[in-house]
Amino acid sequence: GYGCAPESLPGLLTPRQCFAVHAAAKGLAAPDAEVLALATDVGLAPYLDAFVDTLSYGTRQKLAILLAFVGEPR
């Protein structure tokens, strides 16, 4: 994987694609519904289909934190 540091996120992927990659890496068919719900709660939903390299640092931080939750027990 590419880690979850905001500055190491892949710039040419979208957050939605990042979630899919993380889910696949953990053997999941899709990202957890709870994680996608959290994305909405923290205001990431409008940016799910924008390239990571167009996001603000704060938005990338939110994405990095949520990616760490993919496939993890609550």
PDB file of N, CA and C in Angstrom:
ATOM      1  N   GLY A   1       0.825  -1.197   0.000  1.00  0.00           N
ATOM      2  CA  GLY A   1       0.000   0.000   0.000  1.00  0.00           C
ATOM      3  C   GLY A   1       0.858   1.246   0.000  1.00  0.00           C
ATOM      4  N   TYR A   2       0.221   2.388  -0.054  1.00  0.00           N
ATOM      5  CA  TYR A   2       0.944   3.653  -0.118  1.00  0.00           C
ATOM      6  C   TYR A   2       0.848   4.415   1.184  1.00  0.00           C
ATOM      7  N   GLY A   3       0.385   3.748   2.236  1.00  0.00           N
ATOM      8  CA  GLY A   3       0.303   4.411   3.521  1.00  0.00           C
ATOM      9  C   GLY A   3      -0.873   5.367   3.599  1.00  0.00           C
ATOM     10  N   CYS A   4      -1.032   5.957   4.745  1.00  0.00           N
ATOM     11  CA  CYS A   4      -2.173   6.843   4.955  1.00  0.00           C
ATOM     12  C   CYS A   4      -1.757   8.258   5.323  1.00  0.00           C
ATOM     13  N   ALA A   5      -0.508   8.626   5.083  1.00  0.00           N
ATOM     14  CA  ALA A   5      -0.104  10.001   5.335  1.00  0.00           C
ATOM     15  C   ALA A   5      -0.697  10.879   4.237  1.00  0.00           C
ATOM     16  N   PRO A   6      -1.267  12.043   4.596  1.00  0.00           N
ATOM     17  CA  PRO A   6      -1.902  12.889   3.588  1.00  0.00           C
ATOM     18  C   PRO A   6      -1.002  13.190   2.395  1.00  0.00           C
ATOM     19  N   GLU A   7       0.301  13.388   2.648  1.00  0.00           N
ATOM     20  CA  GLU A   7       1.196  13.747   1.553  1.00  0.00           C
ATOM     21  C   GLU A   7       1.591  12.546   0.689  1.00  0.00           C
ATOM     22  N   SER A   8       1.249  11.322   1.134  1.00  0.00           N
ATOM     23  CA  SER A   8       1.608  10.146   0.340  1.00  0.00           C
ATOM     24  C   SER A   8       0.421   9.548  -0.407  1.00  0.00           C
ATOM     25  N   LEU A   9      -0.728  10.201  -0.316  1.00  0.00           N
ATOM     26  CA  LEU A   9      -1.895   9.715  -1.055  1.00  0.00           C
ATOM     27  C   LEU A   9      -1.648   9.879  -2.557  1.00  0.00           C
ATOM     28  N   PRO A  10      -2.159   8.949  -3.366  1.00  0.00           N
ATOM     29  CA  PRO A  10      -1.933   9.026  -4.813  1.00  0.00           C
ATOM     30  C   PRO A  10      -2.741  10.158  -5.446  1.00  0.00           C
ATOM     31  N   GLY A  11      -2.048  11.137  -6.005  1.00  0.00           N
ATOM     32  CA  GLY A  11      -2.703  12.329  -6.523  1.00  0.00           C
ATOM     33  C   GLY A  11      -3.632  12.112  -7.683  1.00  0.00           C
ATOM     34  N   LEU A  12      -3.407  11.050  -8.460  1.00  0.00           N
ATOM     35  CA  LEU A  12      -4.227  10.831  -9.647  1.00  0.00           C
ATOM     36  C   LEU A  12      -5.352   9.836  -9.418  1.00  0.00           C
ATOM     37  N   LEU A  13      -5.603   9.506  -8.158  1.00  0.00           N
ATOM     38  CA  LEU A  13      -6.789   8.730  -7.816  1.00  0.00           C
ATOM     39  C   LEU A  13      -7.786   9.665  -7.148  1.00  0.00           C
ATOM     40  N   THR A  14      -9.042   9.252  -7.134  1.00  0.00           N
ATOM     41  CA  THR A  14     -10.067   9.982  -6.391  1.00  0.00           C
ATOM     42  C   THR A  14     -10.209   9.331  -5.017  1.00  0.00           C
ATOM     43  N   PRO A  15     -10.777  10.042  -4.051  1.00  0.00           N
ATOM     44  CA  PRO A  15     -11.030   9.400  -2.762  1.00  0.00           C
ATOM     45  C   PRO A  15     -11.833   8.103  -2.912  1.00  0.00           C
ATOM     46  N   ARG A  16     -12.813   8.101  -3.804  1.00  0.00           N
ATOM     47  CA  ARG A  16     -13.617   6.890  -4.010  1.00  0.00           C
ATOM     48  C   ARG A  16     -12.719   5.719  -4.440  1.00  0.00           C
ATOM     49  N   GLN A  17     -11.782   6.006  -5.347  1.00  0.00           N
ATOM     50  CA  GLN A  17     -10.858   4.973  -5.798  1.00  0.00           C
ATOM     51  C   GLN A  17      -9.915   4.543  -4.677  1.00  0.00           C
ATOM     52  N   CYS A  18      -9.479   5.494  -3.861  1.00  0.00           N
ATOM     53  CA  CYS A  18      -8.617   5.163  -2.721  1.00  0.00           C
ATOM     54  C   CYS A  18      -9.331   4.203  -1.774  1.00  0.00           C
ATOM     55  N   PHE A  19     -10.615   4.466  -1.503  1.00  0.00           N
ATOM     56  CA  PHE A  19     -11.375   3.568  -0.636  1.00  0.00           C
ATOM     57  C   PHE A  19     -11.443   2.167  -1.244  1.00  0.00           C
ATOM     58  N   ALA A  20     -11.674   2.085  -2.561  1.00  0.00           N
ATOM     59  CA  ALA A  20     -11.766   0.785  -3.231  1.00  0.00           C
ATOM     60  C   ALA A  20     -10.440   0.038  -3.162  1.00  0.00           C
ATOM     61  N   VAL A  21      -9.326   0.754  -3.359  1.00  0.00           N
ATOM     62  CA  VAL A  21      -7.998   0.134  -3.296  1.00  0.00           C
ATOM     63  C   VAL A  21      -7.733  -0.398  -1.886  1.00  0.00           C
ATOM     64  N   HIS A  22      -8.036   0.401  -0.882  1.00  0.00           N
ATOM     65  CA  HIS A  22      -7.815  -0.036   0.498  1.00  0.00           C
ATOM     66  C   HIS A  22      -8.682  -1.239   0.837  1.00  0.00           C
ATOM     67  N   ALA A  23      -9.939  -1.222   0.383  1.00  0.00           N
ATOM     68  CA  ALA A  23     -10.829  -2.352   0.644  1.00  0.00           C
ATOM     69  C   ALA A  23     -10.285  -3.615  -0.016  1.00  0.00           C
ATOM     70  N   ALA A  24      -9.865  -3.505  -1.274  1.00  0.00           N
ATOM     71  CA  ALA A  24      -9.338  -4.668  -1.993  1.00  0.00           C
ATOM     72  C   ALA A  24      -8.081  -5.205  -1.318  1.00  0.00           C
ATOM     73  N   ALA A  25      -7.230  -4.306  -0.833  1.00  0.00           N
ATOM     74  CA  ALA A  25      -5.997  -4.719  -0.165  1.00  0.00           C
ATOM     75  C   ALA A  25      -6.292  -5.506   1.110  1.00  0.00           C
ATOM     76  N   LYS A  26      -7.458  -5.250   1.701  1.00  0.00           N
ATOM     77  CA  LYS A  26      -7.837  -5.954   2.922  1.00  0.00           C
ATOM     78  C   LYS A  26      -8.801  -7.102   2.634  1.00  0.00           C
ATOM     79  N   GLY A  27      -8.943  -7.453   1.347  1.00  0.00           N
ATOM     80  CA  GLY A  27      -9.764  -8.598   0.979  1.00  0.00           C
ATOM     81  C   GLY A  27     -11.257  -8.344   0.991  1.00  0.00           C
ATOM     82  N   LEU A  28     -11.644  -7.072   0.950  1.00  0.00           N
ATOM     83  CA  LEU A  28     -13.070  -6.733   0.956  1.00  0.00           C
ATOM     84  C   LEU A  28     -13.553  -6.463  -0.464  1.00  0.00           C
ATOM     85  N   ALA A  29     -14.812  -6.784  -0.727  1.00  0.00           N
ATOM     86  CA  ALA A  29     -15.384  -6.517  -2.045  1.00  0.00           C
ATOM     87  C   ALA A  29     -15.637  -5.024  -2.250  1.00  0.00           C
ATOM     88  N   ALA A  30     -15.898  -4.324  -1.141  1.00  0.00           N
ATOM     89  CA  ALA A  30     -16.210  -2.893  -1.218  1.00  0.00           C
ATOM     90  C   ALA A  30     -15.862  -2.248   0.118  1.00  0.00           C
ATOM     91  N   PRO A  31     -15.671  -0.924   0.108  1.00  0.00           N
ATOM     92  CA  PRO A  31     -15.410  -0.232   1.376  1.00  0.00           C
ATOM     93  C   PRO A  31     -16.609  -0.358   2.320  1.00  0.00           C
ATOM     94  N   ASP A  32     -16.330  -0.312   3.603  1.00  0.00           N
ATOM     95  CA  ASP A  32     -17.391  -0.403   4.598  1.00  0.00           C
ATOM     96  C   ASP A  32     -18.396   0.738   4.424  1.00  0.00           C
ATOM     97  N   ALA A  33     -19.670   0.400   4.524  1.00  0.00           N
ATOM     98  CA  ALA A  33     -20.716   1.424   4.448  1.00  0.00           C
ATOM     99  C   ALA A  33     -20.523   2.470   5.549  1.00  0.00           C
ATOM    100  N   GLU A  34     -20.054   2.015   6.726  1.00  0.00           N
ATOM    101  CA  GLU A  34     -19.857   2.939   7.847  1.00  0.00           C
ATOM    102  C   GLU A  34     -18.793   3.983   7.508  1.00  0.00           C
ATOM    103  N   VAL A  35     -17.744   3.549   6.809  1.00  0.00           N
ATOM    104  CA  VAL A  35     -16.680   4.490   6.449  1.00  0.00           C
ATOM    105  C   VAL A  35     -17.211   5.518   5.447  1.00  0.00           C
ATOM    106  N   LEU A  36     -18.013   5.058   4.487  1.00  0.00           N
ATOM    107  CA  LEU A  36     -18.579   5.997   3.511  1.00  0.00           C
ATOM    108  C   LEU A  36     -19.562   6.950   4.187  1.00  0.00           C
ATOM    109  N   ALA A  37     -20.277   6.458   5.203  1.00  0.00           N
ATOM    110  CA  ALA A  37     -21.177   7.339   5.957  1.00  0.00           C
ATOM    111  C   ALA A  37     -20.366   8.389   6.718  1.00  0.00           C
ATOM    112  N   LEU A  38     -19.231   7.973   7.280  1.00  0.00           N
ATOM    113  CA  LEU A  38     -18.360   8.925   7.972  1.00  0.00           C
ATOM    114  C   LEU A  38     -17.833   9.979   6.999  1.00  0.00           C
ATOM    115  N   ALA A  39     -17.560   9.565   5.767  1.00  0.00           N
ATOM    116  CA  ALA A  39     -17.079  10.517   4.759  1.00  0.00           C
ATOM    117  C   ALA A  39     -18.100  11.639   4.576  1.00  0.00           C
ATOM    118  N   THR A  40     -19.375  11.275   4.588  1.00  0.00           N
ATOM    119  CA  THR A  40     -20.432  12.280   4.486  1.00  0.00           C
ATOM    120  C   THR A  40     -20.456  13.155   5.736  1.00  0.00           C
ATOM    121  N   ASP A  41     -20.337  12.521   6.902  1.00  0.00           N
ATOM    122  CA  ASP A  41     -20.386  13.248   8.175  1.00  0.00           C
ATOM    123  C   ASP A  41     -19.282  14.292   8.285  1.00  0.00           C
ATOM    124  N   VAL A  42     -18.087  13.985   7.768  1.00  0.00           N
ATOM    125  CA  VAL A  42     -16.964  14.918   7.911  1.00  0.00           C
ATOM    126  C   VAL A  42     -16.824  15.864   6.709  1.00  0.00           C
ATOM    127  N   GLY A  43     -17.784  15.805   5.781  1.00  0.00           N
ATOM    128  CA  GLY A  43     -17.774  16.744   4.662  1.00  0.00           C
ATOM    129  C   GLY A  43     -16.915  16.324   3.486  1.00  0.00           C
ATOM    130  N   LEU A  44     -16.548  15.035   3.411  1.00  0.00           N
ATOM    131  CA  LEU A  44     -15.716  14.565   2.308  1.00  0.00           C
ATOM    132  C   LEU A  44     -16.545  14.181   1.078  1.00  0.00           C
ATOM    133  N   ALA A  45     -17.835  13.914   1.272  1.00  0.00           N
ATOM    134  CA  ALA A  45     -18.682  13.417   0.185  1.00  0.00           C
ATOM    135  C   ALA A  45     -18.604  14.247  -1.107  1.00  0.00           C
ATOM    136  N   PRO A  46     -18.581  15.590  -1.039  1.00  0.00           N
ATOM    137  CA  PRO A  46     -18.532  16.359  -2.292  1.00  0.00           C
ATOM    138  C   PRO A  46     -17.241  16.154  -3.087  1.00  0.00           C
ATOM    139  N   TYR A  47     -16.228  15.581  -2.447  1.00  0.00           N
ATOM    140  CA  TYR A  47     -14.917  15.445  -3.085  1.00  0.00           C
ATOM    141  C   TYR A  47     -14.577  14.006  -3.464  1.00  0.00           C
ATOM    142  N   LEU A  48     -15.540  13.083  -3.322  1.00  0.00           N
ATOM    143  CA  LEU A  48     -15.250  11.666  -3.557  1.00  0.00           C
ATOM    144  C   LEU A  48     -14.767  11.373  -4.971  1.00  0.00           C
ATOM    145  N   ASP A  49     -15.167  12.207  -5.935  1.00  0.00           N
ATOM    146  CA  ASP A  49     -14.781  11.950  -7.321  1.00  0.00           C
ATOM    147  C   ASP A  49     -13.816  12.995  -7.877  1.00  0.00           C
ATOM    148  N   ALA A  50     -13.183  13.754  -6.980  1.00  0.00           N
ATOM    149  CA  ALA A  50     -12.159  14.728  -7.389  1.00  0.00           C
ATOM    150  C   ALA A  50     -10.789  14.079  -7.227  1.00  0.00           C
ATOM    151  N   PHE A  51      -9.837  14.454  -8.055  1.00  0.00           N
ATOM    152  CA  PHE A  51      -8.491  13.909  -7.905  1.00  0.00           C
ATOM    153  C   PHE A  51      -7.892  14.372  -6.582  1.00  0.00           C
ATOM    154  N   VAL A  52      -7.212  13.445  -5.901  1.00  0.00           N
ATOM    155  CA  VAL A  52      -6.625  13.754  -4.598  1.00  0.00           C
ATOM    156  C   VAL A  52      -5.718  14.985  -4.672  1.00  0.00           C
ATOM    157  N   ASP A  53      -4.970  15.126  -5.781  1.00  0.00           N
ATOM    158  CA  ASP A  53      -4.036  16.262  -5.843  1.00  0.00           C
ATOM    159  C   ASP A  53      -4.732  17.611  -6.000  1.00  0.00           C
ATOM    160  N   THR A  54      -6.066  17.627  -6.146  1.00  0.00           N
ATOM    161  CA  THR A  54      -6.801  18.895  -6.185  1.00  0.00           C
ATOM    162  C   THR A  54      -7.407  19.238  -4.822  1.00  0.00           C
ATOM    163  N   LEU A  55      -7.279  18.346  -3.858  1.00  0.00           N
ATOM    164  CA  LEU A  55      -7.900  18.547  -2.546  1.00  0.00           C
ATOM    165  C   LEU A  55      -7.004  19.378  -1.636  1.00  0.00           C
ATOM    166  N   SER A  56      -7.619  20.094  -0.716  1.00  0.00           N
ATOM    167  CA  SER A  56      -6.860  20.831   0.285  1.00  0.00           C
ATOM    168  C   SER A  56      -6.173  19.843   1.224  1.00  0.00           C
ATOM    169  N   TYR A  57      -5.157  20.324   1.938  1.00  0.00           N
ATOM    170  CA  TYR A  57      -4.438  19.444   2.865  1.00  0.00           C
ATOM    171  C   TYR A  57      -5.391  18.905   3.936  1.00  0.00           C
ATOM    172  N   GLY A  58      -6.281  19.764   4.430  1.00  0.00           N
ATOM    173  CA  GLY A  58      -7.229  19.326   5.459  1.00  0.00           C
ATOM    174  C   GLY A  58      -8.157  18.237   4.956  1.00  0.00           C
ATOM    175  N   THR A  59      -8.604  18.348   3.704  1.00  0.00           N
ATOM    176  CA  THR A  59      -9.468  17.321   3.123  1.00  0.00           C
ATOM    177  C   THR A  59      -8.684  16.027   2.932  1.00  0.00           C
ATOM    178  N   ARG A  60      -7.422  16.143   2.540  1.00  0.00           N
ATOM    179  CA  ARG A  60      -6.580  14.941   2.420  1.00  0.00           C
ATOM    180  C   ARG A  60      -6.384  14.281   3.779  1.00  0.00           C
ATOM    181  N   GLN A  61      -6.254  15.096   4.835  1.00  0.00           N
ATOM    182  CA  GLN A  61      -6.114  14.531   6.187  1.00  0.00           C
ATOM    183  C   GLN A  61      -7.361  13.722   6.554  1.00  0.00           C
ATOM    184  N   LYS A  62      -8.539  14.260   6.247  1.00  0.00           N
ATOM    185  CA  LYS A  62      -9.783  13.529   6.519  1.00  0.00           C
ATOM    186  C   LYS A  62      -9.789  12.205   5.764  1.00  0.00           C
ATOM    187  N   LEU A  63      -9.389  12.246   4.493  1.00  0.00           N
ATOM    188  CA  LEU A  63      -9.355  11.032   3.684  1.00  0.00           C
ATOM    189  C   LEU A  63      -8.382  10.014   4.284  1.00  0.00           C
ATOM    190  N   ALA A  64      -7.194  10.470   4.679  1.00  0.00           N
ATOM    191  CA  ALA A  64      -6.189   9.572   5.239  1.00  0.00           C
ATOM    192  C   ALA A  64      -6.709   8.881   6.500  1.00  0.00           C
ATOM    193  N   ILE A  65      -7.383   9.640   7.346  1.00  0.00           N
ATOM    194  CA  ILE A  65      -7.933   9.072   8.579  1.00  0.00           C
ATOM    195  C   ILE A  65      -9.007   8.041   8.252  1.00  0.00           C
ATOM    196  N   LEU A  66      -9.898   8.367   7.325  1.00  0.00           N
ATOM    197  CA  LEU A  66     -10.963   7.429   6.972  1.00  0.00           C
ATOM    198  C   LEU A  66     -10.404   6.170   6.322  1.00  0.00           C
ATOM    199  N   LEU A  67      -9.347   6.311   5.514  1.00  0.00           N
ATOM    200  CA  LEU A  67      -8.748   5.130   4.886  1.00  0.00           C
ATOM    201  C   LEU A  67      -8.208   4.165   5.937  1.00  0.00           C
ATOM    202  N   ALA A  68      -7.732   4.702   7.053  1.00  0.00           N
ATOM    203  CA  ALA A  68      -7.226   3.845   8.117  1.00  0.00           C
ATOM    204  C   ALA A  68      -8.331   3.013   8.750  1.00  0.00           C
ATOM    205  N   PHE A  69      -9.575   3.461   8.620  1.00  0.00           N
ATOM    206  CA  PHE A  69     -10.708   2.738   9.204  1.00  0.00           C
ATOM    207  C   PHE A  69     -11.245   1.640   8.292  1.00  0.00           C
ATOM    208  N   VAL A  70     -10.870   1.628   7.027  1.00  0.00           N
ATOM    209  CA  VAL A  70     -11.416   0.636   6.086  1.00  0.00           C
ATOM    210  C   VAL A  70     -11.034  -0.769   6.552  1.00  0.00           C
ATOM    211  N   GLY A  71     -12.039  -1.618   6.691  1.00  0.00           N
ATOM    212  CA  GLY A  71     -11.801  -3.003   7.058  1.00  0.00           C
ATOM    213  C   GLY A  71     -11.410  -3.247   8.498  1.00  0.00           C
ATOM    214  N   GLU A  72     -11.502  -2.226   9.328  1.00  0.00           N
ATOM    215  CA  GLU A  72     -11.140  -2.373  10.737  1.00  0.00           C
ATOM    216  C   GLU A  72     -12.416  -2.547  11.566  1.00  0.00           C
ATOM    217  N   PRO A  73     -12.326  -3.346  12.609  1.00  0.00           N
ATOM    218  CA  PRO A  73     -13.500  -3.500  13.476  1.00  0.00           C
ATOM    219  C   PRO A  73     -13.826  -2.189  14.190  1.00  0.00           C
ATOM    220  N   ARG A  74     -15.077  -1.943  14.378  1.00  0.00           N
ATOM    221  CA  ARG A  74     -15.503  -0.703  15.027  1.00  0.00           C
ATOM    222  C   ARG A  74     -15.185  -0.747  16.507  1.00  0.00           C
TER     223      ARG A  74
END
